């Protein structure tokens, strides 16, 4: 799955046939992303796609030396399983 970052629409997404999976965010303040919503179409769930979206978002945060807020429960669960990203939380 190729994850695409759409900085204009503030989301990371992947095209899955006729549907899309996405992780959306807002800027809660300068250099702080609020990772607020993850969606994977039902037919594509339980295949690790949400994890790929979250990882792409967190790698963007890390590369830019930003911080993030894990408002989405999927993001929060991912960070719990991958503590290397916890230092980036705001």
N, C-alpha and C. Protein backbone atom coordinates (compact mmCIF):
# COMPACT_ATOMS: atom_id res chain seq x y z
N UNK A 1 0.84 -1.18 0.00
CA UNK A 1 0.00 0.00 0.00
C UNK A 1 0.89 1.24 0.00
N UNK A 2 0.63 2.14 -0.91
CA UNK A 2 1.35 3.40 -0.97
C UNK A 2 0.58 4.46 -0.19
N UNK A 3 1.24 5.05 0.79
CA UNK A 3 0.62 6.11 1.58
C UNK A 3 1.03 7.45 0.97
N UNK A 4 0.04 8.27 0.70
CA UNK A 4 0.25 9.58 0.08
C UNK A 4 -0.04 10.65 1.13
N UNK A 5 0.83 11.65 1.20
CA UNK A 5 0.61 12.76 2.13
C UNK A 5 0.04 13.93 1.35
N UNK A 6 -1.15 14.33 1.68
CA UNK A 6 -1.81 15.48 1.06
C UNK A 6 -1.78 16.62 2.07
N UNK A 7 -0.75 17.46 1.95
CA UNK A 7 -0.57 18.54 2.92
C UNK A 7 -1.65 19.61 2.81
N UNK A 8 -2.26 19.75 1.65
CA UNK A 8 -3.32 20.74 1.48
C UNK A 8 -4.59 20.32 2.24
N UNK A 9 -4.94 19.04 2.16
CA UNK A 9 -6.12 18.52 2.85
C UNK A 9 -5.81 17.97 4.24
N UNK A 10 -4.55 18.07 4.66
CA UNK A 10 -4.12 17.64 5.99
C UNK A 10 -4.48 16.18 6.26
N UNK A 11 -3.96 15.30 5.41
CA UNK A 11 -4.24 13.88 5.60
C UNK A 11 -3.19 13.02 4.92
N UNK A 12 -3.07 11.82 5.43
CA UNK A 12 -2.31 10.75 4.81
C UNK A 12 -3.35 9.76 4.33
N UNK A 13 -3.22 9.30 3.09
CA UNK A 13 -4.24 8.39 2.59
C UNK A 13 -3.66 7.36 1.64
N UNK A 14 -4.45 6.33 1.40
CA UNK A 14 -4.10 5.29 0.44
C UNK A 14 -5.35 4.94 -0.35
N UNK A 15 -5.18 4.78 -1.65
CA UNK A 15 -6.28 4.40 -2.52
C UNK A 15 -6.38 2.88 -2.51
N UNK A 16 -7.57 2.39 -2.21
CA UNK A 16 -7.84 0.96 -2.12
C UNK A 16 -8.98 0.63 -3.07
N UNK A 17 -8.65 0.37 -4.31
CA UNK A 17 -9.70 0.15 -5.31
C UNK A 17 -10.48 1.43 -5.50
N UNK A 18 -11.77 1.38 -5.21
CA UNK A 18 -12.64 2.56 -5.35
C UNK A 18 -12.76 3.34 -4.04
N UNK A 19 -12.08 2.89 -3.00
CA UNK A 19 -12.20 3.51 -1.68
C UNK A 19 -10.85 4.05 -1.22
N UNK A 20 -10.87 4.76 -0.11
CA UNK A 20 -9.65 5.29 0.47
C UNK A 20 -9.61 5.02 1.97
N UNK A 21 -8.41 4.78 2.46
CA UNK A 21 -8.13 4.75 3.89
C UNK A 21 -7.42 6.06 4.20
N UNK A 22 -7.61 6.60 5.40
CA UNK A 22 -6.97 7.88 5.69
C UNK A 22 -6.70 8.08 7.17
N UNK A 23 -5.71 8.92 7.40
CA UNK A 23 -5.40 9.47 8.72
C UNK A 23 -5.43 10.97 8.53
N UNK A 24 -6.29 11.65 9.27
CA UNK A 24 -6.39 13.10 9.14
C UNK A 24 -5.75 13.78 10.35
N UNK A 25 -5.40 15.03 10.16
CA UNK A 25 -4.79 15.80 11.24
C UNK A 25 -5.11 17.27 11.09
N UNK A 26 -4.89 18.00 12.16
CA UNK A 26 -4.95 19.46 12.14
C UNK A 26 -3.68 19.95 12.84
N UNK A 27 -3.41 21.22 12.69
CA UNK A 27 -2.31 21.83 13.45
C UNK A 27 -2.93 22.47 14.68
N UNK A 28 -2.65 21.92 15.86
CA UNK A 28 -3.19 22.52 17.08
C UNK A 28 -2.43 23.79 17.43
N UNK A 29 -1.20 23.83 17.03
CA UNK A 29 -0.37 25.03 17.11
C UNK A 29 0.79 24.81 16.16
N UNK A 30 1.64 25.80 16.03
CA UNK A 30 2.77 25.68 15.11
C UNK A 30 3.62 24.47 15.48
N UNK A 31 3.85 23.61 14.53
CA UNK A 31 4.70 22.43 14.68
C UNK A 31 4.14 21.36 15.63
N UNK A 32 2.84 21.39 15.86
CA UNK A 32 2.18 20.35 16.67
C UNK A 32 0.98 19.84 15.88
N UNK A 33 1.04 18.58 15.47
CA UNK A 33 -0.06 17.96 14.74
C UNK A 33 -0.97 17.22 15.69
N UNK A 34 -2.25 17.42 15.52
CA UNK A 34 -3.26 16.65 16.24
C UNK A 34 -3.72 15.56 15.27
N UNK A 35 -3.24 14.35 15.49
CA UNK A 35 -3.62 13.21 14.66
C UNK A 35 -4.99 12.75 15.17
N UNK A 36 -6.05 13.16 14.45
CA UNK A 36 -7.38 13.10 15.04
C UNK A 36 -8.35 12.06 14.49
N UNK A 37 -8.06 11.42 13.37
CA UNK A 37 -9.05 10.50 12.82
C UNK A 37 -8.39 9.51 11.87
N UNK A 38 -8.70 8.25 12.04
CA UNK A 38 -8.23 7.20 11.14
C UNK A 38 -9.43 6.42 10.63
N UNK A 39 -9.44 6.17 9.32
CA UNK A 39 -10.52 5.38 8.74
C UNK A 39 -9.95 4.39 7.73
N UNK A 40 -10.38 3.15 7.84
CA UNK A 40 -10.07 2.11 6.86
C UNK A 40 -11.41 1.47 6.48
N UNK A 41 -11.72 1.38 5.18
CA UNK A 41 -12.97 0.74 4.78
C UNK A 41 -13.07 -0.68 5.35
N UNK A 42 -14.28 -1.07 5.68
CA UNK A 42 -14.51 -2.34 6.36
C UNK A 42 -13.87 -3.53 5.65
N UNK A 43 -13.95 -3.57 4.34
CA UNK A 43 -13.40 -4.71 3.58
C UNK A 43 -11.88 -4.82 3.70
N UNK A 44 -11.22 -3.75 4.15
CA UNK A 44 -9.76 -3.73 4.22
C UNK A 44 -9.23 -3.72 5.66
N UNK A 45 -10.11 -3.86 6.62
CA UNK A 45 -9.68 -3.81 8.02
C UNK A 45 -8.95 -5.08 8.44
N UNK A 46 -8.22 -4.97 9.53
CA UNK A 46 -7.45 -6.08 10.11
C UNK A 46 -6.35 -6.60 9.19
N UNK A 47 -5.80 -5.69 8.38
CA UNK A 47 -4.69 -6.02 7.49
C UNK A 47 -3.48 -5.14 7.75
N UNK A 48 -3.52 -4.36 8.82
CA UNK A 48 -2.39 -3.50 9.16
C UNK A 48 -2.35 -2.18 8.43
N UNK A 49 -3.42 -1.84 7.71
CA UNK A 49 -3.41 -0.60 6.94
C UNK A 49 -3.44 0.64 7.83
N UNK A 50 -4.20 0.59 8.90
CA UNK A 50 -4.23 1.74 9.82
C UNK A 50 -2.85 1.97 10.41
N UNK A 51 -2.15 0.90 10.75
CA UNK A 51 -0.78 1.04 11.28
C UNK A 51 0.13 1.71 10.26
N UNK A 52 -0.01 1.37 8.99
CA UNK A 52 0.82 1.99 7.96
C UNK A 52 0.53 3.48 7.84
N UNK A 53 -0.73 3.85 7.93
CA UNK A 53 -1.09 5.27 7.88
C UNK A 53 -0.52 6.02 9.08
N UNK A 54 -0.69 5.45 10.26
CA UNK A 54 -0.19 6.09 11.48
C UNK A 54 1.32 6.21 11.43
N UNK A 55 2.00 5.16 11.01
CA UNK A 55 3.46 5.22 10.93
C UNK A 55 3.90 6.33 9.97
N UNK A 56 3.23 6.47 8.84
CA UNK A 56 3.57 7.53 7.89
C UNK A 56 3.40 8.90 8.54
N UNK A 57 2.32 9.07 9.28
CA UNK A 57 2.10 10.34 9.97
C UNK A 57 3.16 10.63 11.01
N UNK A 58 3.50 9.62 11.78
CA UNK A 58 4.51 9.81 12.83
C UNK A 58 5.90 10.02 12.25
N UNK A 59 6.20 9.38 11.15
CA UNK A 59 7.50 9.60 10.51
C UNK A 59 7.59 11.02 9.95
N UNK A 60 6.47 11.56 9.47
CA UNK A 60 6.43 12.96 9.03
C UNK A 60 6.71 13.88 10.20
N UNK A 61 6.05 13.63 11.33
CA UNK A 61 6.27 14.42 12.54
C UNK A 61 7.74 14.36 12.94
N UNK A 62 8.30 13.18 12.95
CA UNK A 62 9.70 12.98 13.34
C UNK A 62 10.66 13.70 12.39
N UNK A 63 10.43 13.57 11.10
CA UNK A 63 11.33 14.17 10.10
C UNK A 63 11.32 15.69 10.17
N UNK A 64 10.20 16.28 10.56
CA UNK A 64 10.08 17.73 10.64
C UNK A 64 10.42 18.28 12.02
N UNK A 65 10.78 17.40 12.95
CA UNK A 65 11.01 17.81 14.34
C UNK A 65 9.78 18.48 14.94
N UNK A 66 8.62 17.95 14.58
CA UNK A 66 7.35 18.41 15.14
C UNK A 66 7.01 17.56 16.35
N UNK A 67 5.87 17.87 16.94
CA UNK A 67 5.30 17.07 18.02
C UNK A 67 3.89 16.70 17.60
N UNK A 68 3.28 15.78 18.33
CA UNK A 68 1.93 15.38 17.96
C UNK A 68 1.06 15.11 19.18
N UNK A 69 -0.24 15.19 18.95
CA UNK A 69 -1.26 14.84 19.95
C UNK A 69 -2.01 13.64 19.38
N UNK A 70 -2.09 12.53 20.13
CA UNK A 70 -2.77 11.34 19.62
C UNK A 70 -4.27 11.35 19.97
N UNK A 71 -5.05 12.24 19.37
CA UNK A 71 -6.48 12.32 19.66
C UNK A 71 -7.24 11.09 19.21
N UNK A 72 -6.79 10.47 18.14
CA UNK A 72 -7.45 9.27 17.61
C UNK A 72 -7.02 8.05 18.42
N UNK A 73 -7.96 7.21 18.85
CA UNK A 73 -7.60 6.01 19.62
C UNK A 73 -6.69 5.04 18.86
N UNK A 74 -6.79 5.03 17.55
CA UNK A 74 -5.92 4.16 16.74
C UNK A 74 -4.47 4.64 16.86
N UNK A 75 -4.27 5.94 16.81
CA UNK A 75 -2.93 6.52 16.96
C UNK A 75 -2.40 6.25 18.36
N UNK A 76 -3.24 6.45 19.35
CA UNK A 76 -2.83 6.22 20.74
C UNK A 76 -2.41 4.76 20.95
N UNK A 77 -3.16 3.82 20.40
CA UNK A 77 -2.83 2.40 20.53
C UNK A 77 -1.52 2.07 19.81
N UNK A 78 -1.31 2.68 18.64
CA UNK A 78 -0.07 2.44 17.89
C UNK A 78 1.14 2.91 18.69
N UNK A 79 1.03 4.10 19.25
CA UNK A 79 2.15 4.66 20.03
C UNK A 79 2.41 3.81 21.28
N UNK A 80 1.37 3.27 21.85
CA UNK A 80 1.54 2.38 23.01
C UNK A 80 2.35 1.14 22.61
N UNK A 81 2.10 0.63 21.41
CA UNK A 81 2.83 -0.56 20.91
C UNK A 81 4.21 -0.22 20.36
N UNK A 82 4.43 1.06 20.03
CA UNK A 82 5.70 1.51 19.45
C UNK A 82 6.22 2.70 20.27
N UNK A 83 6.77 2.43 21.44
CA UNK A 83 7.16 3.50 22.37
C UNK A 83 8.25 4.44 21.82
N UNK A 84 8.89 4.07 20.73
CA UNK A 84 9.91 4.96 20.17
C UNK A 84 9.32 6.29 19.72
N UNK A 85 8.01 6.37 19.55
CA UNK A 85 7.36 7.62 19.15
C UNK A 85 6.84 8.44 20.33
N UNK A 86 6.87 7.88 21.52
CA UNK A 86 6.30 8.57 22.68
C UNK A 86 6.99 9.89 22.99
N UNK A 87 8.27 9.98 22.72
CA UNK A 87 9.01 11.21 22.99
C UNK A 87 8.54 12.38 22.12
N UNK A 88 7.83 12.07 21.05
CA UNK A 88 7.34 13.12 20.15
C UNK A 88 5.96 13.65 20.55
N UNK A 89 5.35 13.02 21.55
CA UNK A 89 4.01 13.46 21.97
C UNK A 89 4.07 14.80 22.68
N UNK A 90 3.05 15.60 22.45
CA UNK A 90 2.97 16.91 23.07
C UNK A 90 2.18 16.82 24.36
